[in-house]
PDB file of N, CA and C in Angstrom:
ATOM      1  N   MET A   1     -42.807   2.369  23.664  1.00  0.00           N
ATOM      2  CA  MET A   1     -41.203   2.102  24.142  1.00  0.00           C
ATOM      3  C   MET A   1     -40.501   3.021  23.147  1.00  0.00           C
ATOM      4  N   ALA A   2     -40.726   2.668  22.018  1.00  0.00           N
ATOM      5  CA  ALA A   2     -39.817   3.060  20.996  1.00  0.00           C
ATOM      6  C   ALA A   2     -39.871   4.795  21.286  1.00  0.00           C
ATOM      7  N   LYS A   3     -41.395   5.252  21.331  1.00  0.00           N
ATOM      8  CA  LYS A   3     -41.391   6.425  21.427  1.00  0.00           C
ATOM      9  C   LYS A   3     -40.521   7.474  22.615  1.00  0.00           C
ATOM     10  N   GLY A   4     -40.627   6.579  23.872  1.00  0.00           N
ATOM     11  CA  GLY A   4     -39.789   7.445  24.718  1.00  0.00           C
ATOM     12  C   GLY A   4     -38.291   7.227  24.432  1.00  0.00           C
ATOM     13  N   LEU A   5     -37.975   6.008  23.697  1.00  0.00           N
ATOM     14  CA  LEU A   5     -36.334   6.012  23.436  1.00  0.00           C
ATOM     15  C   LEU A   5     -36.147   7.129  22.210  1.00  0.00           C
ATOM     16  N   GLY A   6     -36.809   7.147  21.535  1.00  0.00           N
ATOM     17  CA  GLY A   6     -36.613   8.375  20.718  1.00  0.00           C
ATOM     18  C   GLY A   6     -36.454   9.714  20.910  1.00  0.00           C
ATOM     19  N   ASN A   7     -37.544  10.213  22.404  1.00  0.00           N
ATOM     20  CA  ASN A   7     -37.417  11.291  23.154  1.00  0.00           C
ATOM     21  C   ASN A   7     -36.237  11.183  23.894  1.00  0.00           C
ATOM     22  N   ILE A   8     -35.507  10.305  24.194  1.00  0.00           N
ATOM     23  CA  ILE A   8     -34.381  10.135  25.116  1.00  0.00           C
ATOM     24  C   ILE A   8     -33.316  10.650  24.149  1.00  0.00           C
ATOM     25  N   MET A   9     -33.407   9.935  22.997  1.00  0.00           N
ATOM     26  CA  MET A   9     -32.227  10.135  21.736  1.00  0.00           C
ATOM     27  C   MET A   9     -32.133  11.745  21.496  1.00  0.00           C
ATOM     28  N   LYS A  10     -33.241  12.193  21.386  1.00  0.00           N
ATOM     29  CA  LYS A  10     -33.550  13.626  20.935  1.00  0.00           C
ATOM     30  C   LYS A  10     -32.834  14.533  21.877  1.00  0.00           C
ATOM     31  N   GLN A  11     -33.283  14.252  23.065  1.00  0.00           N
ATOM     32  CA  GLN A  11     -32.660  14.984  24.267  1.00  0.00           C
ATOM     33  C   GLN A  11     -31.411  15.094  24.160  1.00  0.00           C
ATOM     34  N   ALA A  12     -30.937  13.734  24.119  1.00  0.00           N
ATOM     35  CA  ALA A  12     -29.415  13.568  24.208  1.00  0.00           C
ATOM     36  C   ALA A  12     -28.644  14.473  23.204  1.00  0.00           C
ATOM     37  N   GLN A  13     -29.315  14.557  21.793  1.00  0.00           N
ATOM     38  CA  GLN A  13     -29.089  14.990  20.734  1.00  0.00           C
ATOM     39  C   GLN A  13     -28.694  16.903  21.159  1.00  0.00           C
ATOM     40  N   MET A  14     -30.042  17.287  21.639  1.00  0.00           N
ATOM     41  CA  MET A  14     -30.092  18.745  21.747  1.00  0.00           C
ATOM     42  C   MET A  14     -29.077  18.695  22.975  1.00  0.00           C
ATOM     43  N   MET A  15     -28.869  17.884  24.099  1.00  0.00           N
ATOM     44  CA  MET A  15     -27.494  18.422  24.921  1.00  0.00           C
ATOM     45  C   MET A  15     -26.307  18.541  24.240  1.00  0.00           C
ATOM     46  N   GLN A  16     -26.045  17.484  23.187  1.00  0.00           N
ATOM     47  CA  GLN A  16     -24.315  17.545  22.561  1.00  0.00           C
ATOM     48  C   GLN A  16     -24.678  18.783  21.571  1.00  0.00           C
ATOM     49  N   GLN A  17     -25.656  19.224  21.222  1.00  0.00           N
ATOM     50  CA  GLN A  17     -25.377  20.522  20.348  1.00  0.00           C
ATOM     51  C   GLN A  17     -25.507  21.796  21.718  1.00  0.00           C
ATOM     52  N   LYS A  18     -26.120  21.733  22.241  1.00  0.00           N
ATOM     53  CA  LYS A  18     -25.688  22.589  23.285  1.00  0.00           C
ATOM     54  C   LYS A  18     -24.048  22.948  23.755  1.00  0.00           C
ATOM     55  N   MET A  19     -23.438  21.622  24.230  1.00  0.00           N
ATOM     56  CA  MET A  19     -22.398  21.501  24.831  1.00  0.00           C
ATOM     57  C   MET A  19     -21.398  21.839  23.801  1.00  0.00           C
ATOM     58  N   ALA A  20     -21.808  21.188  22.605  1.00  0.00           N
ATOM     59  CA  ALA A  20     -20.629  21.691  21.386  1.00  0.00           C
ATOM     60  C   ALA A  20     -20.255  23.375  21.466  1.00  0.00           C
ATOM     61  N   LYS A  21     -22.053  24.143  21.375  1.00  0.00           N
ATOM     62  CA  LYS A  21     -21.787  25.578  21.280  1.00  0.00           C
ATOM     63  C   LYS A  21     -21.233  26.263  22.200  1.00  0.00           C
ATOM     64  N   LEU A  22     -21.343  25.673  23.600  1.00  0.00           N
ATOM     65  CA  LEU A  22     -20.628  26.118  24.775  1.00  0.00           C
ATOM     66  C   LEU A  22     -19.194  26.170  24.878  1.00  0.00           C
ATOM     67  N   GLN A  23     -18.775  24.591  24.467  1.00  0.00           N
ATOM     68  CA  GLN A  23     -17.189  24.603  24.025  1.00  0.00           C
ATOM     69  C   GLN A  23     -16.612  25.710  22.922  1.00  0.00           C
ATOM     70  N   GLU A  24     -17.191  26.160  22.057  1.00  0.00           N
ATOM     71  CA  GLU A  24     -16.884  27.133  21.008  1.00  0.00           C
ATOM     72  C   GLU A  24     -16.962  28.584  21.771  1.00  0.00           C
ATOM     73  N   GLU A  25     -17.981  28.903  22.684  1.00  0.00           N
ATOM     74  CA  GLU A  25     -18.027  29.819  23.301  1.00  0.00           C
ATOM     75  C   GLU A  25     -16.890  30.422  24.553  1.00  0.00           C
ATOM     76  N   LEU A  26     -16.472  29.306  25.219  1.00  0.00           N
ATOM     77  CA  LEU A  26     -15.728  28.908  26.114  1.00  0.00           C
ATOM     78  C   LEU A  26     -14.332  29.526  25.649  1.00  0.00           C
ATOM     79  N   ALA A  27     -13.824  28.746  24.429  1.00  0.00           N
ATOM     80  CA  ALA A  27     -12.612  28.886  23.553  1.00  0.00           C
ATOM     81  C   ALA A  27     -12.504  30.433  23.321  1.00  0.00           C
ATOM     82  N   GLU A  28     -13.527  31.033  23.442  1.00  0.00           N
ATOM     83  CA  GLU A  28     -13.129  32.747  23.002  1.00  0.00           C
ATOM     84  C   GLU A  28     -12.958  33.497  24.278  1.00  0.00           C
ATOM     85  N   ARG A  29     -13.707  32.850  25.321  1.00  0.00           N
ATOM     86  CA  ARG A  29     -13.497  33.453  26.658  1.00  0.00           C
ATOM     87  C   ARG A  29     -11.964  33.406  27.459  1.00  0.00           C
ATOM     88  N   THR A  30     -11.609  34.449  28.081  1.00  0.00           N
ATOM     89  CA  THR A  30     -10.257  34.308  28.949  1.00  0.00           C
ATOM     90  C   THR A  30     -10.413  34.422  30.405  1.00  0.00           C
ATOM     91  N   ILE A  31      -9.228  34.032  30.978  1.00  0.00           N
ATOM     92  CA  ILE A  31      -9.321  34.194  32.348  1.00  0.00           C
ATOM     93  C   ILE A  31      -7.941  34.222  32.946  1.00  0.00           C
ATOM     94  N   GLU A  32      -7.539  35.259  33.680  1.00  0.00           N
ATOM     95  CA  GLU A  32      -6.568  35.700  34.245  1.00  0.00           C
ATOM     96  C   GLU A  32      -5.617  35.241  35.337  1.00  0.00           C
ATOM     97  N   ALA A  33      -4.519  34.867  35.649  1.00  0.00           N
ATOM     98  CA  ALA A  33      -4.127  34.805  37.156  1.00  0.00           C
ATOM     99  C   ALA A  33      -2.806  35.403  37.022  1.00  0.00           C
ATOM    100  N   THR A  34      -2.636  35.630  38.546  1.00  0.00           N
ATOM    101  CA  THR A  34      -1.038  36.287  38.666  1.00  0.00           C
ATOM    102  C   THR A  34      -0.420  35.423  39.709  1.00  0.00           C
ATOM    103  N   ALA A  35       0.974  35.845  39.921  1.00  0.00           N
ATOM    104  CA  ALA A  35       1.841  35.224  40.849  1.00  0.00           C
ATOM    105  C   ALA A  35       2.800  36.307  41.278  1.00  0.00           C
ATOM    106  N   GLY A  36       3.136  36.197  42.131  1.00  0.00           N
ATOM    107  CA  GLY A  36       4.184  37.088  42.849  1.00  0.00           C
ATOM    108  C   GLY A  36       3.902  38.329  42.961  1.00  0.00           C
ATOM    109  N   GLY A  37       2.586  38.758  43.379  1.00  0.00           N
ATOM    110  CA  GLY A  37       2.098  40.281  43.420  1.00  0.00           C
ATOM    111  C   GLY A  37       1.744  40.590  41.971  1.00  0.00           C
ATOM    112  N   GLY A  38       1.658  39.956  41.431  1.00  0.00           N
ATOM    113  CA  GLY A  38       1.051  40.603  39.605  1.00  0.00           C
ATOM    114  C   GLY A  38       2.549  40.712  38.858  1.00  0.00           C
ATOM    115  N   MET A  39       3.662  40.065  39.570  1.00  0.00           N
ATOM    116  CA  MET A  39       5.004  40.316  38.695  1.00  0.00           C
ATOM    117  C   MET A  39       4.836  39.444  37.318  1.00  0.00           C
ATOM    118  N   VAL A  40       4.130  38.344  37.570  1.00  0.00           N
ATOM    119  CA  VAL A  40       3.893  37.126  36.162  1.00  0.00           C
ATOM    120  C   VAL A  40       2.586  36.773  36.129  1.00  0.00           C
ATOM    121  N   THR A  41       2.013  37.128  34.870  1.00  0.00           N
ATOM    122  CA  THR A  41       0.269  37.037  34.500  1.00  0.00           C
ATOM    123  C   THR A  41       0.191  36.251  33.491  1.00  0.00           C
ATOM    124  N   ALA A  42      -0.530  35.307  33.932  1.00  0.00           N
ATOM    125  CA  ALA A  42      -0.950  34.176  32.654  1.00  0.00           C
ATOM    126  C   ALA A  42      -2.264  34.153  32.460  1.00  0.00           C
ATOM    127  N   VAL A  43      -2.951  33.969  31.001  1.00  0.00           N
ATOM    128  CA  VAL A  43      -4.285  34.175  30.443  1.00  0.00           C
ATOM    129  C   VAL A  43      -4.464  33.051  29.918  1.00  0.00           C
ATOM    130  N   ALA A  44      -5.672  32.297  30.413  1.00  0.00           N
ATOM    131  CA  ALA A  44      -5.895  30.845  29.842  1.00  0.00           C
ATOM    132  C   ALA A  44      -7.448  30.998  29.369  1.00  0.00           C
ATOM    133  N   ASN A  45      -7.758  30.492  27.861  1.00  0.00           N
ATOM    134  CA  ASN A  45      -8.946  30.323  27.538  1.00  0.00           C
ATOM    135  C   ASN A  45      -9.834  28.820  27.722  1.00  0.00           C
ATOM    136  N   GLY A  46     -10.924  28.962  27.224  1.00  0.00           N
ATOM    137  CA  GLY A  46     -11.619  28.087  27.753  1.00  0.00           C
ATOM    138  C   GLY A  46     -11.537  26.718  27.471  1.00  0.00           C
ATOM    139  N   LYS A  47     -10.193  26.577  26.661  1.00  0.00           N
ATOM    140  CA  LYS A  47     -10.232  25.096  26.230  1.00  0.00           C
ATOM    141  C   LYS A  47      -8.611  25.036  27.051  1.00  0.00           C
ATOM    142  N   GLN A  48      -8.350  25.541  27.888  1.00  0.00           N
ATOM    143  CA  GLN A  48      -7.403  24.925  28.736  1.00  0.00           C
ATOM    144  C   GLN A  48      -6.123  25.244  28.146  1.00  0.00           C
ATOM    145  N   GLN A  49      -5.965  26.191  27.465  1.00  0.00           N
ATOM    146  CA  GLN A  49      -4.627  26.686  26.685  1.00  0.00           C
ATOM    147  C   GLN A  49      -4.205  27.843  27.487  1.00  0.00           C
ATOM    148  N   ILE A  50      -2.837  28.299  27.626  1.00  0.00           N
ATOM    149  CA  ILE A  50      -2.413  29.345  27.927  1.00  0.00           C
ATOM    150  C   ILE A  50      -1.972  30.378  26.697  1.00  0.00           C
ATOM    151  N   VAL A  51      -2.677  31.551  26.511  1.00  0.00           N
ATOM    152  CA  VAL A  51      -2.740  32.078  25.451  1.00  0.00           C
ATOM    153  C   VAL A  51      -2.154  33.631  25.880  1.00  0.00           C
ATOM    154  N   SER A  52      -1.917  33.958  26.970  1.00  0.00           N
ATOM    155  CA  SER A  52      -0.638  35.071  27.040  1.00  0.00           C
ATOM    156  C   SER A  52       0.279  34.634  28.486  1.00  0.00           C
ATOM    157  N   LEU A  53       1.231  35.296  28.226  1.00  0.00           N
ATOM    158  CA  LEU A  53       2.118  35.162  29.570  1.00  0.00           C
ATOM    159  C   LEU A  53       3.183  36.532  29.735  1.00  0.00           C
ATOM    160  N   LYS A  54       2.796  37.277  30.820  1.00  0.00           N
ATOM    161  CA  LYS A  54       3.508  38.714  31.316  1.00  0.00           C
ATOM    162  C   LYS A  54       4.322  38.869  32.041  1.00  0.00           C
ATOM    163  N   ILE A  55       5.493  39.024  32.071  1.00  0.00           N
ATOM    164  CA  ILE A  55       6.615  38.866  33.350  1.00  0.00           C
ATOM    165  C   ILE A  55       6.932  40.184  33.219  1.00  0.00           C
ATOM    166  N   GLU A  56       7.060  41.032  34.254  1.00  0.00           N
ATOM    167  CA  GLU A  56       7.497  42.258  34.490  1.00  0.00           C
ATOM    168  C   GLU A  56       9.163  42.027  34.959  1.00  0.00           C
ATOM    169  N   LYS A  57       9.415  43.509  34.280  1.00  0.00           N
ATOM    170  CA  LYS A  57      11.195  43.651  34.151  1.00  0.00           C
ATOM    171  C   LYS A  57      11.616  43.180  35.534  1.00  0.00           C
ATOM    172  N   GLU A  58      11.051  44.152  36.539  1.00  0.00           N
ATOM    173  CA  GLU A  58      11.639  43.672  37.757  1.00  0.00           C
ATOM    174  C   GLU A  58      11.865  42.090  38.519  1.00  0.00           C
ATOM    175  N   VAL A  59      11.116  41.457  38.058  1.00  0.00           N
ATOM    176  CA  VAL A  59      11.262  39.998  38.314  1.00  0.00           C
ATOM    177  C   VAL A  59      12.182  39.087  38.000  1.00  0.00           C
ATOM    178  N   VAL A  60      12.627  39.675  36.558  1.00  0.00           N
ATOM    179  CA  VAL A  60      13.933  39.120  36.078  1.00  0.00           C
ATOM    180  C   VAL A  60      15.049  39.197  36.744  1.00  0.00           C
ATOM    181  N   ASP A  61      15.587  38.303  37.098  1.00  0.00           N
ATOM    182  CA  ASP A  61      17.073  38.405  38.182  1.00  0.00           C
ATOM    183  C   ASP A  61      17.963  37.221  37.898  1.00  0.00           C
ATOM    184  N   PRO A  62      19.148  37.169  36.297  1.00  0.00           N
ATOM    185  CA  PRO A  62      19.459  36.322  35.897  1.00  0.00           C
ATOM    186  C   PRO A  62      19.840  35.037  37.320  1.00  0.00           C
ATOM    187  N   ASP A  63      20.401  35.799  38.277  1.00  0.00           N
ATOM    188  CA  ASP A  63      20.926  35.119  39.445  1.00  0.00           C
ATOM    189  C   ASP A  63      19.932  34.265  40.251  1.00  0.00           C
ATOM    190  N   ASP A  64      18.703  34.455  39.731  1.00  0.00           N
ATOM    191  CA  ASP A  64      17.563  33.675  40.595  1.00  0.00           C
ATOM    192  C   ASP A  64      16.469  33.475  39.679  1.00  0.00           C
ATOM    193  N   ILE A  65      17.188  32.385  38.625  1.00  0.00           N
ATOM    194  CA  ILE A  65      15.800  32.241  37.629  1.00  0.00           C
ATOM    195  C   ILE A  65      14.679  30.953  38.284  1.00  0.00           C
ATOM    196  N   GLU A  66      15.607  30.329  39.232  1.00  0.00           N
ATOM    197  CA  GLU A  66      14.655  29.349  39.899  1.00  0.00           C
ATOM    198  C   GLU A  66      13.047  29.960  40.408  1.00  0.00           C
ATOM    199  N   MET A  67      13.350  31.144  41.171  1.00  0.00           N
ATOM    200  CA  MET A  67      12.205  32.075  41.468  1.00  0.00           C
ATOM    201  C   MET A  67      10.978  32.546  40.336  1.00  0.00           C
ATOM    202  N   LEU A  68      11.956  32.874  39.336  1.00  0.00           N
ATOM    203  CA  LEU A  68      10.699  33.206  38.100  1.00  0.00           C
ATOM    204  C   LEU A  68      10.483  31.936  37.614  1.00  0.00           C
ATOM    205  N   GLN A  69      10.962  31.104  37.545  1.00  0.00           N
ATOM    206  CA  GLN A  69      10.421  29.784  37.011  1.00  0.00           C
ATOM    207  C   GLN A  69       9.218  29.295  37.793  1.00  0.00           C
ATOM    208  N   ASP A  70       9.381  29.464  39.254  1.00  0.00           N
ATOM    209  CA  ASP A  70       8.206  28.966  39.942  1.00  0.00           C
ATOM    210  C   ASP A  70       6.948  30.034  40.254  1.00  0.00           C
ATOM    211  N   LEU A  71       7.241  31.440  39.626  1.00  0.00           N
ATOM    212  CA  LEU A  71       6.209  32.098  39.436  1.00  0.00           C
ATOM    213  C   LEU A  71       5.490  32.082  38.122  1.00  0.00           C
ATOM    214  N   VAL A  72       6.484  31.795  37.036  1.00  0.00           N
ATOM    215  CA  VAL A  72       5.707  31.493  35.879  1.00  0.00           C
ATOM    216  C   VAL A  72       4.607  30.284  35.978  1.00  0.00           C
ATOM    217  N   MET A  73       5.188  29.055  36.669  1.00  0.00           N
ATOM    218  CA  MET A  73       4.411  27.988  36.813  1.00  0.00           C
ATOM    219  C   MET A  73       3.277  27.929  37.630  1.00  0.00           C
ATOM    220  N   ALA A  74       3.191  28.891  38.761  1.00  0.00           N
ATOM    221  CA  ALA A  74       2.272  29.351  39.621  1.00  0.00           C
ATOM    222  C   ALA A  74       1.375  29.675  38.783  1.00  0.00           C
ATOM    223  N   ALA A  75       1.685  30.626  38.242  1.00  0.00           N
ATOM    224  CA  ALA A  75       0.420  31.765  37.412  1.00  0.00           C
ATOM    225  C   ALA A  75      -0.097  30.992  36.552  1.00  0.00           C
ATOM    226  N   ALA A  76       0.432  30.353  36.045  1.00  0.00           N
ATOM    227  CA  ALA A  76      -0.012  29.030  34.716  1.00  0.00           C
ATOM    228  C   ALA A  76      -1.079  27.960  35.037  1.00  0.00           C
ATOM    229  N   ASN A  77      -0.399  27.663  36.572  1.00  0.00           N
ATOM    230  CA  ASN A  77      -1.402  26.678  36.793  1.00  0.00           C
ATOM    231  C   ASN A  77      -2.538  27.175  37.775  1.00  0.00           C
ATOM    232  N   GLU A  78      -2.763  28.312  38.032  1.00  0.00           N
ATOM    233  CA  GLU A  78      -3.891  28.945  38.546  1.00  0.00           C
ATOM    234  C   GLU A  78      -5.023  29.396  37.497  1.00  0.00           C
ATOM    235  N   ALA A  79      -4.228  29.993  36.196  1.00  0.00           N
ATOM    236  CA  ALA A  79      -4.950  30.264  35.048  1.00  0.00           C
ATOM    237  C   ALA A  79      -5.467  28.969  34.525  1.00  0.00           C
ATOM    238  N   LEU A  80      -5.130  27.842  34.508  1.00  0.00           N
ATOM    239  CA  LEU A  80      -5.674  26.743  34.052  1.00  0.00           C
ATOM    240  C   LEU A  80      -6.440  26.020  35.203  1.00  0.00           C
ATOM    241  N   LYS A  81      -6.553  26.555  36.445  1.00  0.00           N
ATOM    242  CA  LYS A  81      -7.349  25.682  37.323  1.00  0.00           C
ATOM    243  C   LYS A  81      -8.628  26.733  36.975  1.00  0.00           C
ATOM    244  N   LYS A  82      -8.252  27.768  36.653  1.00  0.00           N
ATOM    245  CA  LYS A  82      -9.864  28.844  37.096  1.00  0.00           C
ATOM    246  C   LYS A  82     -10.372  28.547  35.667  1.00  0.00           C
ATOM    247  N   SER A  83      -9.678  27.986  34.526  1.00  0.00           N
ATOM    248  CA  SER A  83     -10.443  27.901  33.622  1.00  0.00           C
ATOM    249  C   SER A  83     -11.258  26.635  33.550  1.00  0.00           C
ATOM    250  N   GLN A  84     -10.341  25.540  33.734  1.00  0.00           N
ATOM    251  CA  GLN A  84     -11.010  24.390  34.264  1.00  0.00           C
ATOM    252  C   GLN A  84     -12.482  24.521  34.855  1.00  0.00           C
ATOM    253  N   GLU A  85     -12.606  25.423  36.158  1.00  0.00           N
ATOM    254  CA  GLU A  85     -13.496  25.778  37.090  1.00  0.00           C
ATOM    255  C   GLU A  85     -14.790  26.326  36.020  1.00  0.00           C
ATOM    256  N   MET A  86     -14.331  27.298  35.328  1.00  0.00           N
ATOM    257  CA  MET A  86     -15.060  28.283  34.131  1.00  0.00           C
ATOM    258  C   MET A  86     -15.904  26.941  33.642  1.00  0.00           C
ATOM    259  N   MET A  87     -15.262  26.179  32.926  1.00  0.00           N
ATOM    260  CA  MET A  87     -15.853  25.505  32.336  1.00  0.00           C
ATOM    261  C   MET A  87     -16.752  24.381  32.950  1.00  0.00           C
ATOM    262  N   GLN A  88     -16.512  23.606  33.767  1.00  0.00           N
ATOM    263  CA  GLN A  88     -16.997  22.750  34.820  1.00  0.00           C
ATOM    264  C   GLN A  88     -18.430  23.562  34.913  1.00  0.00           C
ATOM    265  N   GLU A  89     -17.961  24.936  35.419  1.00  0.00           N
ATOM    266  CA  GLU A  89     -19.612  25.523  36.212  1.00  0.00           C
ATOM    267  C   GLU A  89     -20.584  25.882  34.861  1.00  0.00           C
ATOM    268  N   GLU A  90     -20.001  25.987  33.570  1.00  0.00           N
ATOM    269  CA  GLU A  90     -20.693  26.101  32.394  1.00  0.00           C
ATOM    270  C   GLU A  90     -21.397  25.246  32.041  1.00  0.00           C
ATOM    271  N   MET A  91     -20.619  23.785  32.074  1.00  0.00           N
ATOM    272  CA  MET A  91     -21.329  22.727  31.378  1.00  0.00           C
ATOM    273  C   MET A  91     -22.484  22.082  32.440  1.00  0.00           C
ATOM    274  N   GLY A  92     -22.056  22.659  33.684  1.00  0.00           N
ATOM    275  CA  GLY A  92     -23.079  22.028  34.939  1.00  0.00           C
ATOM    276  C   GLY A  92     -24.351  22.723  34.709  1.00  0.00           C
ATOM    277  N   LYS A  93     -24.258  23.870  34.251  1.00  0.00           N
ATOM    278  CA  LYS A  93     -25.933  24.528  33.571  1.00  0.00           C
ATOM    279  C   LYS A  93     -26.605  23.803  32.721  1.00  0.00           C
ATOM    280  N   ILE A  94     -25.893  23.481  31.819  1.00  0.00           N
ATOM    281  CA  ILE A  94     -26.446  22.397  30.573  1.00  0.00           C
ATOM    282  C   ILE A  94     -26.825  20.830  31.119  1.00  0.00           C
ATOM    283  N   THR A  95     -25.792  20.285  32.061  1.00  0.00           N
ATOM    284  CA  THR A  95     -26.121  19.215  32.451  1.00  0.00           C
ATOM    285  C   THR A  95     -26.821  18.749  33.767  1.00  0.00           C
ATOM    286  N   GLY A  96     -27.166  20.210  34.521  1.00  0.00           N
ATOM    287  CA  GLY A  96     -27.756  20.015  35.361  1.00  0.00           C
ATOM    288  C   GLY A  96     -27.002  19.354  36.378  1.00  0.00           C
ATOM    289  N   GLY A  97     -25.593  19.584  36.690  1.00  0.00           N
ATOM    290  CA  GLY A  97     -24.709  18.844  37.471  1.00  0.00           C
ATOM    291  C   GLY A  97     -24.602  17.677  37.348  1.00  0.00           C
ATOM    292  N   PHE A  98     -24.669  16.806  36.662  1.00  0.00           N
ATOM    293  CA  PHE A  98     -24.882  15.604  36.197  1.00  0.00           C
ATOM    294  C   PHE A  98     -23.468  15.337  35.385  1.00  0.00           C
ATOM    295  N   ASN A  99     -22.505  14.818  35.887  1.00  0.00           N
ATOM    296  CA  ASN A  99     -21.369  14.388  35.361  1.00  0.00           C
ATOM    297  C   ASN A  99     -21.310  13.436  34.841  1.00  0.00           C
ATOM    298  N   LEU A 100     -20.997  13.781  33.226  1.00  0.00           N
ATOM    299  CA  LEU A 100     -20.561  12.873  32.191  1.00  0.00           C
ATOM    300  C   LEU A 100     -18.982  12.622  32.067  1.00  0.00           C
ATOM    301  N   PRO A 101     -18.883  11.590  32.226  1.00  0.00           N
ATOM    302  CA  PRO A 101     -17.245  11.123  32.212  1.00  0.00           C
ATOM    303  C   PRO A 101     -16.977  11.382  30.720  1.00  0.00           C
ATOM    304  N   GLY A 102     -15.529  11.934  30.494  1.00  0.00           N
ATOM    305  CA  GLY A 102     -14.854  12.058  29.213  1.00  0.00           C
ATOM    306  C   GLY A 102     -15.609  13.513  28.726  1.00  0.00           C
ATOM    307  N   MET A 103     -16.600  14.253  29.114  1.00  0.00           N
ATOM    308  CA  MET A 103     -17.051  15.465  29.018  1.00  0.00           C
ATOM    309  C   MET A 103     -16.075  16.394  29.200  1.00  0.00           C
ATOM    310  N   PHE A 104     -15.760  16.616  30.339  1.00  0.00           N
ATOM    311  CA  PHE A 104     -14.479  17.752  30.818  1.00  0.00           C
ATOM    312  C   PHE A 104     -13.316  17.514  30.609  1.00  0.00           C
TER     313      PHE A 104
END
């Protein structure tokens, strides 16, 4: 009985180490999303942080700030969504699709 529990603990520790390593790797990876036909580009990393934002001059109109705000928000949200999907996909490879609450 104790040997079985020891094996489970050992496997859990190994999985935890793999997940920590993966989180470090994902923090270095980036994913890009655009809005407005490429007028606004947001880049997010695997830690769900926006790391860069690019706005083309042509889309900046002082009389229509609301449209620019919408484009920035759409690009940022899409980049974050893609980042979360990337993380879930990679974590799923380690956990075998087993959902661990609080891990994502």
